[in-house]
Amino acid sequence: MRELKILAVVVFFSLLTYYLVEPYAHHEMHKKVDAQGNEIKIEPKGLPMMVQRI
């Protein structure tokens, strides 16, 4: 039973890390560029916009 609890904790933190870090890493490593190679700025949507309104 102890091993099952340890496995659950490891899986939980692995999934938490994946869902929090992967989108940021994907965004940073795959910049959007136009035909001339200039970076395209994209406005963030979702939670940051909601936080600014409060």
C-alpha atoms as a PDB file:
ATOM      1  CA  MET A   1       0.000   0.000   0.000  1.00  0.00           C
ATOM      2  CA  ARG A   2       2.870   2.359   0.757  1.00  0.00           C
ATOM      3  CA  GLU A   3       4.322   1.868  -2.733  1.00  0.00           C
ATOM      4  CA  LEU A   4       0.949   2.701  -4.274  1.00  0.00           C
ATOM      5  CA  LYS A   5       0.828   5.996  -2.380  1.00  0.00           C
ATOM      6  CA  ILE A   6       4.362   6.852  -3.502  1.00  0.00           C
ATOM      7  CA  LEU A   7       3.463   6.014  -7.092  1.00  0.00           C
ATOM      8  CA  ALA A   8       0.360   8.227  -6.873  1.00  0.00           C
ATOM      9  CA  VAL A   9       2.430  11.152  -5.559  1.00  0.00           C
ATOM     10  CA  VAL A  10       5.059  10.737  -8.281  1.00  0.00           C
ATOM     11  CA  VAL A  11       2.413  10.510 -11.020  1.00  0.00           C
ATOM     12  CA  PHE A  12       0.561  13.541  -9.632  1.00  0.00           C
ATOM     13  CA  PHE A  13       3.641  15.766  -9.567  1.00  0.00           C
ATOM     14  CA  SER A  14       4.792  14.507 -12.964  1.00  0.00           C
ATOM     15  CA  LEU A  15       1.444  15.407 -14.538  1.00  0.00           C
ATOM     16  CA  LEU A  16       1.320  18.727 -12.702  1.00  0.00           C
ATOM     17  CA  THR A  17       4.791  19.636 -13.955  1.00  0.00           C
ATOM     18  CA  TYR A  18       3.928  18.549 -17.487  1.00  0.00           C
ATOM     19  CA  TYR A  19       0.746  20.628 -17.639  1.00  0.00           C
ATOM     20  CA  LEU A  20       2.375  23.727 -16.118  1.00  0.00           C
ATOM     21  CA  VAL A  21       5.782  23.694 -17.826  1.00  0.00           C
ATOM     22  CA  GLU A  22       5.125  22.180 -21.265  1.00  0.00           C
ATOM     23  CA  PRO A  23       2.859  24.954 -22.631  1.00  0.00           C
ATOM     24  CA  TYR A  24       5.364  27.623 -21.562  1.00  0.00           C
ATOM     25  CA  ALA A  25       8.298  25.700 -23.029  1.00  0.00           C
ATOM     26  CA  HIS A  26       6.409  25.068 -26.264  1.00  0.00           C
ATOM     27  CA  HIS A  27       5.584  28.764 -26.553  1.00  0.00           C
ATOM     28  CA  GLU A  28       9.184  29.826 -25.915  1.00  0.00           C
ATOM     29  CA  MET A  29      10.850  27.232 -28.131  1.00  0.00           C
ATOM     30  CA  HIS A  30       8.501  27.583 -31.108  1.00  0.00           C
ATOM     31  CA  LYS A  31       8.314  31.299 -31.729  1.00  0.00           C
ATOM     32  CA  LYS A  32       5.890  32.518 -34.380  1.00  0.00           C
ATOM     33  CA  VAL A  33       7.751  34.275 -37.206  1.00  0.00           C
ATOM     34  CA  ASP A  34       6.665  35.859 -40.470  1.00  0.00           C
ATOM     35  CA  ALA A  35       8.267  35.343 -43.902  1.00  0.00           C
ATOM     36  CA  GLN A  36      11.079  37.828 -43.134  1.00  0.00           C
ATOM     37  CA  GLY A  37      11.961  36.102 -39.866  1.00  0.00           C
ATOM     38  CA  ASN A  38      10.463  38.769 -37.586  1.00  0.00           C
ATOM     39  CA  GLU A  39       8.805  37.494 -34.431  1.00  0.00           C
ATOM     40  CA  ILE A  40       5.026  37.864 -34.365  1.00  0.00           C
ATOM     41  CA  LYS A  41       3.743  39.118 -31.024  1.00  0.00           C
ATOM     42  CA  ILE A  42       0.602  37.327 -29.837  1.00  0.00           C
ATOM     43  CA  GLU A  43      -1.483  38.808 -27.035  1.00  0.00           C
ATOM     44  CA  PRO A  44      -2.063  36.357 -24.173  1.00  0.00           C
ATOM     45  CA  LYS A  45      -5.649  35.317 -23.587  1.00  0.00           C
ATOM     46  CA  GLY A  46      -7.410  33.640 -20.724  1.00  0.00           C
ATOM     47  CA  LEU A  47      -6.385  33.926 -17.109  1.00  0.00           C
ATOM     48  CA  PRO A  48      -3.955  36.886 -17.372  1.00  0.00           C
ATOM     49  CA  MET A  49      -6.659  39.024 -18.995  1.00  0.00           C
ATOM     50  CA  MET A  50      -9.146  38.039 -16.267  1.00  0.00           C
ATOM     51  CA  VAL A  51      -6.641  38.905 -13.541  1.00  0.00           C
ATOM     52  CA  GLN A  52      -6.064  42.381 -15.023  1.00  0.00           C
ATOM     53  CA  ARG A  53      -9.792  43.161 -14.888  1.00  0.00           C
ATOM     54  CA  ILE A  54     -10.090  42.359 -11.187  1.00  0.00           C
END
